[in-house]
């Protein structure tokens, strides 16, 4: 005999499906986006610009990279229409690139980069400034088109950077100029791999979601009511309806529903003056062992033999 389908079973299956879907979405969409730095739903309220010049301190005639990231909401601004043409004088542009990248959440980054170099007299560090001569790129304006076709303007400011001489005080004093050795930074290393930490965090989060789903499913599965509710003919009297409910509930092994039906029967019998049988119904409803098919059948026969309808 196949096991009867109950509301609790259906609810538990629903919870399990929702939990699995949440884990799949988290691991396959959100976690993957975080892994690539693309997760979340962030979008800037207005265009945001970040600029940088690297290195911030360079030697004379050394190439530097100027970069501008224009962050926009693609639902408001068309990223492919963003244009930026700054003036770098006295530096000259040796190479330039433009890329449209996926940013955090829904944001889109339009990245501009230029390789700059200056070998003219204007970039020679002054003698009175032995540290570095400061330069700043002239503030510029980036332009774009909104989705509605309107023209947008975004002000772009650049940081200060410095150019210093390749000659040390000793070189100048001895008249034997030498180029300083290029700085070679130590490679970045980690005690624990970030990829391993991220993988463990995603796995732990998935297990926690599955555990929470299992706990909820075990609770809702206790609902033993059948999937389809019992339909009793409307022409039955309140007493007969309570009797039928009690008989069906006990035949299905639904003790809580049987107790409720017997309590309802007791109330209907009292309303019609059957106090003695009402007491029997109430006593049976809340007995320690609970009503059984035999005891309910005996009570039903007694009620019906007395003509209670």
C-alpha atoms as a PDB file:
ATOM      1  CA  UNK A   1       0.000   0.000   0.000  1.00  0.00           C
ATOM      2  CA  UNK A   2       1.484   3.331  -1.046  1.00  0.00           C
ATOM      3  CA  UNK A   3       1.988   5.946   1.571  1.00  0.00           C
ATOM      4  CA  UNK A   4      -0.711   8.631   1.631  1.00  0.00           C
ATOM      5  CA  UNK A   5       0.331  12.056   0.428  1.00  0.00           C
ATOM      6  CA  UNK A   6      -0.127  14.670   3.148  1.00  0.00           C
ATOM      7  CA  UNK A   7       0.099  18.431   3.289  1.00  0.00           C
ATOM      8  CA  UNK A   8       3.249  18.151   5.388  1.00  0.00           C
ATOM      9  CA  UNK A   9       4.934  16.007   2.737  1.00  0.00           C
ATOM     10  CA  UNK A  10       4.038  18.486  -0.001  1.00  0.00           C
ATOM     11  CA  UNK A  11       5.289  21.397   2.145  1.00  0.00           C
ATOM     12  CA  UNK A  12       8.553  19.545   2.898  1.00  0.00           C
ATOM     13  CA  UNK A  13       9.100  18.878  -0.805  1.00  0.00           C
ATOM     14  CA  UNK A  14       8.466  22.552  -1.535  1.00  0.00           C
ATOM     15  CA  UNK A  15      10.967  23.636   1.127  1.00  0.00           C
ATOM     16  CA  UNK A  16      13.550  21.205  -0.267  1.00  0.00           C
ATOM     17  CA  UNK A  17      13.117  22.523  -3.807  1.00  0.00           C
ATOM     18  CA  UNK A  18      13.361  26.148  -2.674  1.00  0.00           C
ATOM     19  CA  UNK A  19      16.482  25.359  -0.621  1.00  0.00           C
ATOM     20  CA  UNK A  20      18.182  23.587  -3.521  1.00  0.00           C
ATOM     21  CA  UNK A  21      17.272  26.437  -5.853  1.00  0.00           C
ATOM     22  CA  UNK A  22      18.744  28.948  -3.373  1.00  0.00           C
ATOM     23  CA  UNK A  23      21.994  26.972  -3.150  1.00  0.00           C
ATOM     24  CA  UNK A  24      22.236  26.684  -6.945  1.00  0.00           C
ATOM     25  CA  UNK A  25      21.599  30.401  -7.411  1.00  0.00           C
ATOM     26  CA  UNK A  26      24.086  31.299  -4.674  1.00  0.00           C
ATOM     27  CA  UNK A  27      26.849  28.983  -5.883  1.00  0.00           C
ATOM     28  CA  UNK A  28      26.251  29.355  -9.612  1.00  0.00           C
ATOM     29  CA  UNK A  29      25.385  33.036  -9.883  1.00  0.00           C
ATOM     30  CA  UNK A  30      26.151  35.073  -6.776  1.00  0.00           C
ATOM     31  CA  UNK A  31      29.292  33.221  -5.661  1.00  0.00           C
ATOM     32  CA  UNK A  32      30.647  33.114  -9.198  1.00  0.00           C
ATOM     33  CA  UNK A  33      30.022  36.849  -9.497  1.00  0.00           C
ATOM     34  CA  UNK A  34      31.811  37.495  -6.208  1.00  0.00           C
ATOM     35  CA  UNK A  35      34.682  35.319  -7.393  1.00  0.00           C
ATOM     36  CA  UNK A  36      35.042  37.542 -10.453  1.00  0.00           C
ATOM     37  CA  UNK A  37      34.328  40.732  -8.534  1.00  0.00           C
ATOM     38  CA  UNK A  38      30.972  41.117 -10.308  1.00  0.00           C
ATOM     39  CA  UNK A  39      28.503  40.089  -7.622  1.00  0.00           C
ATOM     40  CA  UNK A  40      25.765  42.118  -5.978  1.00  0.00           C
ATOM     41  CA  UNK A  41      23.184  44.553  -7.321  1.00  0.00           C
ATOM     42  CA  UNK A  42      25.134  47.810  -6.915  1.00  0.00           C
ATOM     43  CA  UNK A  43      24.544  50.562  -9.456  1.00  0.00           C
ATOM     44  CA  UNK A  44      25.790  54.160  -9.106  1.00  0.00           C
ATOM     45  CA  UNK A  45      23.094  56.817  -8.777  1.00  0.00           C
ATOM     46  CA  UNK A  46      25.190  59.006 -11.043  1.00  0.00           C
ATOM     47  CA  UNK A  47      28.344  58.467 -13.065  1.00  0.00           C
ATOM     48  CA  UNK A  48      31.449  58.027 -10.911  1.00  0.00           C
ATOM     49  CA  UNK A  49      35.000  58.674 -12.129  1.00  0.00           C
ATOM     50  CA  UNK A  50      38.230  57.345 -10.623  1.00  0.00           C
ATOM     51  CA  UNK A  51      41.568  58.491 -12.021  1.00  0.00           C
ATOM     52  CA  UNK A  52      45.137  57.455 -11.335  1.00  0.00           C
ATOM     53  CA  UNK A  53      48.668  58.017 -12.627  1.00  0.00           C
ATOM     54  CA  UNK A  54      51.207  55.262 -11.998  1.00  0.00           C
ATOM     55  CA  UNK A  55      53.832  55.402 -10.787  1.00  0.00           C
ATOM     56  CA  UNK A  56      53.033  58.469  -8.736  1.00  0.00           C
ATOM     57  CA  UNK A  57      56.791  59.243  -8.641  1.00  0.00           C
ATOM     58  CA  UNK A  58      58.761  58.555 -11.801  1.00  0.00           C
ATOM     59  CA  UNK A  59      62.170  59.302 -13.259  1.00  0.00           C
ATOM     60  CA  UNK A  60      62.709  61.748 -16.073  1.00  0.00           C
ATOM     61  CA  UNK A  61      61.688  60.241 -19.464  1.00  0.00           C
ATOM     62  CA  UNK A  62      60.160  57.226 -17.754  1.00  0.00           C
ATOM     63  CA  UNK A  63      56.809  56.133 -19.126  1.00  0.00           C
ATOM     64  CA  UNK A  64      53.787  56.507 -16.866  1.00  0.00           C
ATOM     65  CA  UNK A  65      50.235  55.218 -17.240  1.00  0.00           C
ATOM     66  CA  UNK A  66      47.262  57.523 -16.797  1.00  0.00           C
ATOM     67  CA  UNK A  67      43.988  55.678 -16.250  1.00  0.00           C
ATOM     68  CA  UNK A  68      40.390  56.828 -15.859  1.00  0.00           C
ATOM     69  CA  UNK A  69      37.520  54.534 -14.867  1.00  0.00           C
ATOM     70  CA  UNK A  70      34.075  55.941 -15.631  1.00  0.00           C
ATOM     71  CA  UNK A  71      31.456  53.894 -13.736  1.00  0.00           C
ATOM     72  CA  UNK A  72      27.898  54.196 -15.093  1.00  0.00           C
ATOM     73  CA  UNK A  73      24.528  52.505 -14.795  1.00  0.00           C
ATOM     74  CA  UNK A  74      23.902  50.937 -18.237  1.00  0.00           C
ATOM     75  CA  UNK A  75      20.154  51.281 -17.660  1.00  0.00           C
ATOM     76  CA  UNK A  76      20.576  55.063 -17.660  1.00  0.00           C
ATOM     77  CA  UNK A  77      23.744  55.742 -19.695  1.00  0.00           C
ATOM     78  CA  UNK A  78      24.947  53.928 -22.821  1.00  0.00           C
ATOM     79  CA  UNK A  79      28.516  52.828 -21.912  1.00  0.00           C
ATOM     80  CA  UNK A  80      29.595  52.687 -25.556  1.00  0.00           C
ATOM     81  CA  UNK A  81      28.975  56.433 -25.960  1.00  0.00           C
ATOM     82  CA  UNK A  82      31.303  57.483 -23.115  1.00  0.00           C
ATOM     83  CA  UNK A  83      34.187  59.536 -24.525  1.00  0.00           C
ATOM     84  CA  UNK A  84      37.169  61.137 -22.796  1.00  0.00           C
ATOM     85  CA  UNK A  85      39.930  63.143 -24.491  1.00  0.00           C
ATOM     86  CA  UNK A  86      42.191  64.778 -21.889  1.00  0.00           C
ATOM     87  CA  UNK A  87      45.211  67.000 -22.642  1.00  0.00           C
ATOM     88  CA  UNK A  88      48.488  65.674 -21.306  1.00  0.00           C
ATOM     89  CA  UNK A  89      50.905  68.444 -22.278  1.00  0.00           C
ATOM     90  CA  UNK A  90      53.911  68.468 -21.910  1.00  0.00           C
ATOM     91  CA  UNK A  91      53.634  64.648 -21.963  1.00  0.00           C
ATOM     92  CA  UNK A  92      53.081  62.795 -25.211  1.00  0.00           C
ATOM     93  CA  UNK A  93      50.796  59.803 -25.696  1.00  0.00           C
ATOM     94  CA  UNK A  94      52.726  56.670 -26.714  1.00  0.00           C
ATOM     95  CA  UNK A  95      49.743  54.267 -26.564  1.00  0.00           C
ATOM     96  CA  UNK A  96      46.094  54.371 -25.547  1.00  0.00           C
ATOM     97  CA  UNK A  97      43.301  51.870 -24.906  1.00  0.00           C
ATOM     98  CA  UNK A  98      39.565  51.898 -24.171  1.00  0.00           C
ATOM     99  CA  UNK A  99      37.642  48.965 -22.682  1.00  0.00           C
ATOM    100  CA  UNK A 100      34.073  48.411 -21.472  1.00  0.00           C
ATOM    101  CA  UNK A 101      34.085  46.099 -18.436  1.00  0.00           C
ATOM    102  CA  UNK A 102      31.527  44.571 -16.096  1.00  0.00           C
ATOM    103  CA  UNK A 103      31.762  46.268 -12.732  1.00  0.00           C
ATOM    104  CA  UNK A 104      30.339  45.483  -9.312  1.00  0.00           C
ATOM    105  CA  UNK A 105      26.715  44.377  -9.542  1.00  0.00           C
ATOM    106  CA  UNK A 106      24.948  46.003 -12.486  1.00  0.00           C
ATOM    107  CA  UNK A 107      27.518  48.779 -12.866  1.00  0.00           C
ATOM    108  CA  UNK A 108      29.571  49.070 -16.058  1.00  0.00           C
ATOM    109  CA  UNK A 109      33.126  50.435 -16.144  1.00  0.00           C
ATOM    110  CA  UNK A 110      34.442  52.312 -19.175  1.00  0.00           C
ATOM    111  CA  UNK A 111      38.208  52.213 -18.717  1.00  0.00           C
ATOM    112  CA  UNK A 112      40.541  54.605 -20.532  1.00  0.00           C
ATOM    113  CA  UNK A 113      44.318  54.245 -20.264  1.00  0.00           C
ATOM    114  CA  UNK A 114      47.186  56.151 -21.839  1.00  0.00           C
ATOM    115  CA  UNK A 115      50.906  55.483 -21.792  1.00  0.00           C
ATOM    116  CA  UNK A 116      52.647  58.853 -21.390  1.00  0.00           C
ATOM    117  CA  UNK A 117      56.233  59.967 -21.777  1.00  0.00           C
ATOM    118  CA  UNK A 118      57.970  63.302 -21.649  1.00  0.00           C
ATOM    119  CA  UNK A 119      61.532  63.843 -22.863  1.00  0.00           C
ATOM    120  CA  UNK A 120      61.338  67.602 -23.394  1.00  0.00           C
ATOM    121  CA  UNK A 121      62.901  70.348 -21.318  1.00  0.00           C
ATOM    122  CA  UNK A 122      59.530  71.098 -19.749  1.00  0.00           C
ATOM    123  CA  UNK A 123      59.752  67.840 -17.794  1.00  0.00           C
ATOM    124  CA  UNK A 124      63.326  68.271 -16.558  1.00  0.00           C
ATOM    125  CA  UNK A 125      63.198  68.535 -12.733  1.00  0.00           C
ATOM    126  CA  UNK A 126      64.292  71.940 -11.482  1.00  0.00           C
ATOM    127  CA  UNK A 127      67.565  72.247  -9.587  1.00  0.00           C
ATOM    128  CA  UNK A 128      65.908  73.940  -6.656  1.00  0.00           C
ATOM    129  CA  UNK A 129      63.571  70.967  -6.186  1.00  0.00           C
ATOM    130  CA  UNK A 130      65.742  67.922  -5.536  1.00  0.00           C
ATOM    131  CA  UNK A 131      62.700  65.810  -4.557  1.00  0.00           C
ATOM    132  CA  UNK A 132      60.368  65.784  -7.561  1.00  0.00           C
ATOM    133  CA  UNK A 133      58.678  68.307  -9.810  1.00  0.00           C
ATOM    134  CA  UNK A 134      54.917  68.000  -9.513  1.00  0.00           C
ATOM    135  CA  UNK A 135      52.625  67.751 -12.517  1.00  0.00           C
ATOM    136  CA  UNK A 136      48.841  67.616 -12.784  1.00  0.00           C
ATOM    137  CA  UNK A 137      46.833  66.753 -15.885  1.00  0.00           C
ATOM    138  CA  UNK A 138      44.395  69.512 -16.814  1.00  0.00           C
ATOM    139  CA  UNK A 139      40.838  68.756 -15.590  1.00  0.00           C
ATOM    140  CA  UNK A 140      38.727  67.443 -18.444  1.00  0.00           C
ATOM    141  CA  UNK A 141      35.120  66.519 -19.193  1.00  0.00           C
ATOM    142  CA  UNK A 142      33.868  63.090 -20.242  1.00  0.00           C
ATOM    143  CA  UNK A 143      30.770  63.018 -22.453  1.00  0.00           C
ATOM    144  CA  UNK A 144      28.119  60.341 -22.922  1.00  0.00           C
ATOM    145  CA  UNK A 145      24.599  59.741 -24.171  1.00  0.00           C
ATOM    146  CA  UNK A 146      21.783  58.660 -21.889  1.00  0.00           C
ATOM    147  CA  UNK A 147      19.433  55.882 -22.888  1.00  0.00           C
ATOM    148  CA  UNK A 148      16.884  58.591 -23.662  1.00  0.00           C
ATOM    149  CA  UNK A 149      19.300  60.229 -26.118  1.00  0.00           C
ATOM    150  CA  UNK A 150      20.304  63.215 -23.959  1.00  0.00           C
ATOM    151  CA  UNK A 151      23.895  64.425 -23.704  1.00  0.00           C
ATOM    152  CA  UNK A 152      25.626  63.962 -20.353  1.00  0.00           C
ATOM    153  CA  UNK A 153      28.816  65.640 -19.116  1.00  0.00           C
ATOM    154  CA  UNK A 154      31.043  64.251 -16.353  1.00  0.00           C
ATOM    155  CA  UNK A 155      33.844  66.308 -14.810  1.00  0.00           C
ATOM    156  CA  UNK A 156      37.154  64.433 -14.529  1.00  0.00           C
ATOM    157  CA  UNK A 157      39.901  65.495 -12.108  1.00  0.00           C
ATOM    158  CA  UNK A 158      43.385  63.994 -12.059  1.00  0.00           C
ATOM    159  CA  UNK A 159      45.792  63.400  -9.153  1.00  0.00           C
ATOM    160  CA  UNK A 160      49.157  65.073  -8.794  1.00  0.00           C
ATOM    161  CA  UNK A 161      52.238  63.061  -9.752  1.00  0.00           C
ATOM    162  CA  UNK A 162      55.928  63.828  -9.634  1.00  0.00           C
ATOM    163  CA  UNK A 163      58.952  63.514 -11.917  1.00  0.00           C
ATOM    164  CA  UNK A 164      62.401  63.422 -10.389  1.00  0.00           C
ATOM    165  CA  UNK A 165      65.874  63.491 -11.830  1.00  0.00           C
ATOM    166  CA  UNK A 166      67.780  60.320 -12.638  1.00  0.00           C
ATOM    167  CA  UNK A 167      70.890  61.925 -11.202  1.00  0.00           C
ATOM    168  CA  UNK A 168      71.792  61.804  -7.531  1.00  0.00           C
ATOM    169  CA  UNK A 169      73.707  64.527  -5.722  1.00  0.00           C
ATOM    170  CA  UNK A 170      76.792  62.299  -5.811  1.00  0.00           C
ATOM    171  CA  UNK A 171      76.477  61.828  -9.585  1.00  0.00           C
ATOM    172  CA  UNK A 172      76.268  65.543 -10.120  1.00  0.00           C
ATOM    173  CA  UNK A 173      79.194  66.242  -7.788  1.00  0.00           C
ATOM    174  CA  UNK A 174      81.443  63.646  -9.436  1.00  0.00           C
ATOM    175  CA  UNK A 175      80.205  64.398 -12.956  1.00  0.00           C
ATOM    176  CA  UNK A 176      79.686  60.668 -13.505  1.00  0.00           C
ATOM    177  CA  UNK A 177      75.941  60.341 -14.052  1.00  0.00           C
ATOM    178  CA  UNK A 178      74.441  56.900 -13.487  1.00  0.00           C
ATOM    179  CA  UNK A 179      70.863  55.721 -13.788  1.00  0.00           C
ATOM    180  CA  UNK A 180      69.321  54.477 -10.556  1.00  0.00           C
ATOM    181  CA  UNK A 181      68.340  50.832 -10.554  1.00  0.00           C
ATOM    182  CA  UNK A 182      64.662  50.255 -11.208  1.00  0.00           C
ATOM    183  CA  UNK A 183      62.600  49.304  -8.202  1.00  0.00           C
ATOM    184  CA  UNK A 184      61.519  45.651  -8.309  1.00  0.00           C
ATOM    185  CA  UNK A 185      58.744  45.057  -5.751  1.00  0.00           C
ATOM    186  CA  UNK A 186      58.503  41.742  -3.923  1.00  0.00           C
ATOM    187  CA  UNK A 187      55.801  39.465  -5.371  1.00  0.00           C
ATOM    188  CA  UNK A 188      52.608  39.284  -3.347  1.00  0.00           C
ATOM    189  CA  UNK A 189      52.237  36.079  -1.344  1.00  0.00           C
ATOM    190  CA  UNK A 190      49.562  34.691   0.957  1.00  0.00           C
ATOM    191  CA  UNK A 191      49.768  32.398   3.960  1.00  0.00           C
ATOM    192  CA  UNK A 192      46.449  30.876   2.830  1.00  0.00           C
ATOM    193  CA  UNK A 193      45.271  30.938  -0.765  1.00  0.00           C
ATOM    194  CA  UNK A 194      42.388  33.451  -1.244  1.00  0.00           C
ATOM    195  CA  UNK A 195      40.795  30.990  -3.689  1.00  0.00           C
ATOM    196  CA  UNK A 196      40.830  28.283  -0.995  1.00  0.00           C
ATOM    197  CA  UNK A 197      39.296  30.618   1.601  1.00  0.00           C
ATOM    198  CA  UNK A 198      36.625  31.701  -0.883  1.00  0.00           C
ATOM    199  CA  UNK A 199      35.826  28.105  -1.801  1.00  0.00           C
ATOM    200  CA  UNK A 200      35.529  27.070   1.848  1.00  0.00           C
ATOM    201  CA  UNK A 201      33.316  30.075   2.601  1.00  0.00           C
ATOM    202  CA  UNK A 202      30.994  29.271  -0.308  1.00  0.00           C
ATOM    203  CA  UNK A 203      30.858  25.600   0.719  1.00  0.00           C
ATOM    204  CA  UNK A 204      30.105  26.465   4.350  1.00  0.00           C
ATOM    205  CA  UNK A 205      27.395  28.935   3.328  1.00  0.00           C
ATOM    206  CA  UNK A 206      25.799  26.297   1.092  1.00  0.00           C
ATOM    207  CA  UNK A 207      25.836  23.751   3.945  1.00  0.00           C
ATOM    208  CA  UNK A 208      24.229  26.261   6.295  1.00  0.00           C
ATOM    209  CA  UNK A 209      21.457  26.963   3.770  1.00  0.00           C
ATOM    210  CA  UNK A 210      20.885  23.228   3.279  1.00  0.00           C
ATOM    211  CA  UNK A 211      20.830  22.691   7.054  1.00  0.00           C
ATOM    212  CA  UNK A 212      18.286  25.471   7.524  1.00  0.00           C
ATOM    213  CA  UNK A 213      16.130  23.996   4.765  1.00  0.00           C
ATOM    214  CA  UNK A 214      16.313  20.552   6.382  1.00  0.00           C
ATOM    215  CA  UNK A 215      15.216  21.944   9.756  1.00  0.00           C
ATOM    216  CA  UNK A 216      12.249  23.769   8.205  1.00  0.00           C
ATOM    217  CA  UNK A 217      11.277  20.685   6.182  1.00  0.00           C
ATOM    218  CA  UNK A 218      11.277  18.440   9.286  1.00  0.00           C
ATOM    219  CA  UNK A 219       8.914  20.869  11.039  1.00  0.00           C
ATOM    220  CA  UNK A 220       6.409  21.340   8.205  1.00  0.00           C
ATOM    221  CA  UNK A 221       6.433  17.606   7.434  1.00  0.00           C
ATOM    222  CA  UNK A 222       4.688  16.930  10.757  1.00  0.00           C
ATOM    223  CA  UNK A 223       1.444  18.164   9.245  1.00  0.00           C
ATOM    224  CA  UNK A 224      -0.294  14.819   8.661  1.00  0.00           C
ATOM    225  CA  UNK A 225      -3.481  16.253   7.168  1.00  0.00           C
ATOM    226  CA  UNK A 226      -4.301  14.735   3.789  1.00  0.00           C
ATOM    227  CA  UNK A 227      -3.679  16.762   0.695  1.00  0.00           C
ATOM    228  CA  UNK A 228      -7.347  16.784  -0.146  1.00  0.00           C
ATOM    229  CA  UNK A 229      -9.743  17.924   2.549  1.00  0.00           C
ATOM    230  CA  UNK A 230     -12.735  15.757   3.354  1.00  0.00           C
ATOM    231  CA  UNK A 231     -15.937  16.911   1.672  1.00  0.00           C
ATOM    232  CA  UNK A 232     -19.035  16.142   3.732  1.00  0.00           C
ATOM    233  CA  UNK A 233     -22.496  16.494   2.159  1.00  0.00           C
ATOM    234  CA  UNK A 234     -24.186  19.730   3.167  1.00  0.00           C
ATOM    235  CA  UNK A 235     -27.502  18.016   3.995  1.00  0.00           C
ATOM    236  CA  UNK A 236     -26.075  16.344   7.119  1.00  0.00           C
ATOM    237  CA  UNK A 237     -26.942  17.745  10.528  1.00  0.00           C
ATOM    238  CA  UNK A 238     -24.196  19.314  12.699  1.00  0.00           C
ATOM    239  CA  UNK A 239     -24.161  16.220  14.949  1.00  0.00           C
ATOM    240  CA  UNK A 240     -23.911  13.830  12.013  1.00  0.00           C
ATOM    241  CA  UNK A 241     -21.180  15.952  10.411  1.00  0.00           C
ATOM    242  CA  UNK A 242     -19.137  15.814  13.646  1.00  0.00           C
ATOM    243  CA  UNK A 243     -19.598  12.051  13.808  1.00  0.00           C
ATOM    244  CA  UNK A 244     -18.458  11.565  10.212  1.00  0.00           C
ATOM    245  CA  UNK A 245     -15.418  13.755  10.788  1.00  0.00           C
ATOM    246  CA  UNK A 246     -14.453  11.765  13.893  1.00  0.00           C
ATOM    247  CA  UNK A 247     -14.916   8.426  12.113  1.00  0.00           C
ATOM    248  CA  UNK A 248     -12.881   9.431   9.074  1.00  0.00           C
ATOM    249  CA  UNK A 249     -10.098  10.983  11.187  1.00  0.00           C
ATOM    250  CA  UNK A 250      -9.685   7.897  13.357  1.00  0.00           C
ATOM    251  CA  UNK A 251      -9.738   5.598  10.319  1.00  0.00           C
ATOM    252  CA  UNK A 252      -6.829   7.619   8.908  1.00  0.00           C
ATOM    253  CA  UNK A 253      -4.936   7.629  12.189  1.00  0.00           C
ATOM    254  CA  UNK A 254      -5.244  11.413  12.538  1.00  0.00           C
ATOM    255  CA  UNK A 255      -5.539  11.668  16.306  1.00  0.00           C
ATOM    256  CA  UNK A 256      -5.475  15.503  16.574  1.00  0.00           C
ATOM    257  CA  UNK A 257      -8.235  15.830  13.958  1.00  0.00           C
ATOM    258  CA  UNK A 258     -10.254  13.116  15.702  1.00  0.00           C
ATOM    259  CA  UNK A 259     -10.009  14.952  19.041  1.00  0.00           C
ATOM    260  CA  UNK A 260     -11.238  18.165  17.407  1.00  0.00           C
ATOM    261  CA  UNK A 261     -14.186  16.368  15.795  1.00  0.00           C
ATOM    262  CA  UNK A 262     -15.217  14.763  19.094  1.00  0.00           C
ATOM    263  CA  UNK A 263     -14.983  18.102  20.908  1.00  0.00           C
ATOM    264  CA  UNK A 264     -17.216  19.567  18.204  1.00  0.00           C
ATOM    265  CA  UNK A 265     -19.608  16.633  18.668  1.00  0.00           C
ATOM    266  CA  UNK A 266     -19.742  17.281  22.434  1.00  0.00           C
ATOM    267  CA  UNK A 267     -20.630  20.936  21.849  1.00  0.00           C
ATOM    268  CA  UNK A 268     -23.432  20.021  19.403  1.00  0.00           C
ATOM    269  CA  UNK A 269     -24.854  17.371  21.760  1.00  0.00           C
ATOM    270  CA  UNK A 270     -24.959  19.826  24.684  1.00  0.00           C
ATOM    271  CA  UNK A 271     -26.747  22.318  22.476  1.00  0.00           C
ATOM    272  CA  UNK A 272     -29.461  19.683  21.897  1.00  0.00           C
ATOM    273  CA  UNK A 273     -29.707  18.579  25.530  1.00  0.00           C
ATOM    274  CA  UNK A 274     -27.619  15.402  25.309  1.00  0.00           C
ATOM    275  CA  UNK A 275     -25.399  16.172  28.266  1.00  0.00           C
ATOM    276  CA  UNK A 276     -24.510  12.578  29.130  1.00  0.00           C
ATOM    277  CA  UNK A 277     -23.360  11.613  25.672  1.00  0.00           C
ATOM    278  CA  UNK A 278     -21.638  15.007  25.343  1.00  0.00           C
ATOM    279  CA  UNK A 279     -19.556  14.144  28.393  1.00  0.00           C
ATOM    280  CA  UNK A 280     -18.647  10.770  26.910  1.00  0.00           C
ATOM    281  CA  UNK A 281     -17.559  12.412  23.659  1.00  0.00           C
ATOM    282  CA  UNK A 282     -15.499  14.974  25.504  1.00  0.00           C
ATOM    283  CA  UNK A 283     -13.889  12.359  27.748  1.00  0.00           C
ATOM    284  CA  UNK A 284     -13.008  10.243  24.714  1.00  0.00           C
ATOM    285  CA  UNK A 285     -11.649  13.250  22.859  1.00  0.00           C
ATOM    286  CA  UNK A 286      -9.083  14.049  25.537  1.00  0.00           C
ATOM    287  CA  UNK A 287      -8.293  10.562  26.780  1.00  0.00           C
ATOM    288  CA  UNK A 288      -4.618   9.759  27.325  1.00  0.00           C
ATOM    289  CA  UNK A 289      -4.491   7.046  24.674  1.00  0.00           C
ATOM    290  CA  UNK A 290      -6.560   8.995  22.209  1.00  0.00           C
ATOM    291  CA  UNK A 291      -9.705   7.907  20.358  1.00  0.00           C
ATOM    292  CA  UNK A 292      -9.584   4.715  18.325  1.00  0.00           C
ATOM    293  CA  UNK A 293     -11.796   3.385  15.557  1.00  0.00           C
ATOM    294  CA  UNK A 294     -13.568   1.021  17.983  1.00  0.00           C
ATOM    295  CA  UNK A 295     -14.309   3.605  20.674  1.00  0.00           C
ATOM    296  CA  UNK A 296     -15.506   6.174  18.136  1.00  0.00           C
ATOM    297  CA  UNK A 297     -17.665   3.561  16.413  1.00  0.00           C
ATOM    298  CA  UNK A 298     -19.286   2.630  19.751  1.00  0.00           C
ATOM    299  CA  UNK A 299     -19.979   6.281  20.559  1.00  0.00           C
ATOM    300  CA  UNK A 300     -21.388   6.933  17.080  1.00  0.00           C
ATOM    301  CA  UNK A 301     -23.690   3.924  17.349  1.00  0.00           C
ATOM    302  CA  UNK A 302     -24.960   5.084  20.750  1.00  0.00           C
ATOM    303  CA  UNK A 303     -25.585   8.638  19.519  1.00  0.00           C
ATOM    304  CA  UNK A 304     -27.382   7.478  16.380  1.00  0.00           C
ATOM    305  CA  UNK A 305     -29.481   4.904  18.312  1.00  0.00           C
ATOM    306  CA  UNK A 306     -30.747   7.694  20.562  1.00  0.00           C
ATOM    307  CA  UNK A 307     -31.925   9.583  17.497  1.00  0.00           C
ATOM    308  CA  UNK A 308     -29.550  12.555  17.923  1.00  0.00           C
ATOM    309  CA  UNK A 309     -29.335  14.283  14.563  1.00  0.00           C
END
